[in-house]
Amino acid sequence: MFEGALYAFTNRRRDKIKLLYWEDNGFVLYYKSLAEEKFHWPGGEEELVSLTGQQINWLLDGYNLSAMKGHKKLHYEATF
C-alpha cells in the first residue's frame, strides 16, 4: 500500500520537516529541524506535490525548488 512512496510534511514556520517512508513492516521517520533558516517548500494550489529523489535532496539541502531546473534532456536517434 505505501511501498515506494516517501511522504514529507512541514510545520507552518517551515523550519522543521518530517519524512515518512514505509520499510517492510513499519514506517521510518526522518526529522530535520533548522536553527535559523527555513525550508523553501514547493508552492502551489495542490496539497499533494510529487517530487523526484533529487528534488527531495535539494529541499533538505535548502535549495528553492522553483528556481532549480536540470539540464534539458537530449534525445538522439541514429539513422543509417
Protein backbone atom coordinates (compact mmCIF):
# COMPACT_ATOMS: atom_id res chain seq x y z
CA MET A 1 0.00 0.00 0.00
CA PHE A 2 2.71 2.53 0.98
CA GLU A 3 5.63 0.83 -0.76
CA GLY A 4 7.90 3.08 -2.80
CA ALA A 5 6.41 6.33 -1.52
CA LEU A 6 8.04 8.96 0.64
CA TYR A 7 5.78 11.41 2.46
CA ALA A 8 7.09 14.85 3.51
CA PHE A 9 5.47 17.23 5.98
CA THR A 10 6.47 20.63 7.32
CA ASN A 11 5.24 22.95 10.06
CA ARG A 12 3.75 26.42 9.48
CA ARG A 13 7.05 28.20 10.13
CA ARG A 14 8.79 25.93 7.60
CA ASP A 15 11.75 25.32 9.92
CA LYS A 16 11.03 21.63 10.55
CA ILE A 17 10.47 18.75 8.17
CA LYS A 18 9.39 15.12 8.65
CA LEU A 19 9.77 12.40 6.06
CA LEU A 20 7.93 9.07 6.36
CA TYR A 21 8.94 6.01 4.38
CA TRP A 22 7.41 2.52 4.60
CA GLU A 23 10.03 -0.21 5.02
CA ASP A 24 8.76 -3.82 5.04
CA ASN A 25 6.90 -3.81 8.36
CA GLY A 26 6.78 -0.22 9.57
CA PHE A 27 7.47 3.44 8.88
CA VAL A 28 10.90 5.03 9.02
CA LEU A 29 10.86 8.62 10.28
CA TYR A 30 13.42 11.24 9.24
CA TYR A 31 13.17 14.54 11.13
CA LYS A 32 15.16 17.71 10.47
CA SER A 33 14.89 20.97 12.41
CA LEU A 34 16.66 24.13 11.25
CA ALA A 35 18.12 26.50 13.84
CA GLU A 36 17.94 29.73 11.81
CA GLU A 37 16.81 29.14 8.23
CA LYS A 38 13.55 27.98 6.64
CA PHE A 39 12.82 25.29 4.09
CA HIS A 40 11.79 26.55 0.66
CA TRP A 41 8.64 24.45 0.49
CA PRO A 42 7.25 23.86 -3.02
CA GLY A 43 4.34 26.20 -3.66
CA GLY A 44 1.17 25.55 -5.48
CA GLU A 45 -2.54 25.21 -5.08
CA GLU A 46 -2.49 21.47 -4.52
CA GLU A 47 -1.86 19.77 -1.19
CA LEU A 48 -0.03 16.89 -2.87
CA VAL A 49 3.13 17.57 -4.85
CA SER A 50 5.21 14.84 -6.49
CA LEU A 51 8.98 15.27 -6.23
CA THR A 52 11.91 13.30 -7.58
CA GLY A 53 14.61 11.94 -5.29
CA GLN A 54 16.93 14.71 -6.46
CA GLN A 55 14.33 17.39 -5.64
CA ILE A 56 13.88 15.97 -2.13
CA ASN A 57 17.64 16.17 -1.60
CA TRP A 58 17.62 19.77 -2.85
CA LEU A 59 14.75 20.60 -0.47
CA LEU A 60 16.62 19.13 2.51
CA ASP A 61 19.79 21.00 1.49
CA GLY A 62 17.92 24.32 1.49
CA TYR A 63 17.51 24.98 -2.22
CA ASN A 64 14.46 26.72 -3.68
CA LEU A 65 12.89 24.08 -5.94
CA SER A 66 11.06 26.59 -8.11
CA ALA A 67 14.44 28.05 -9.14
CA MET A 68 16.11 24.67 -9.68
CA LYS A 69 15.94 23.20 -13.14
CA GLY A 70 18.08 20.44 -14.50
CA HIS A 71 19.66 20.39 -17.93
CA LYS A 72 17.38 19.71 -20.85
CA LYS A 73 17.37 16.04 -21.78
CA LEU A 74 18.52 15.37 -25.31
CA HIS A 75 17.23 12.52 -27.41
CA TYR A 76 19.22 11.39 -30.43
CA GLU A 77 18.32 8.80 -32.97
CA ALA A 78 20.79 7.03 -35.18
CA THR A 79 19.98 6.91 -38.86
CA PHE A 80 21.71 4.56 -41.26
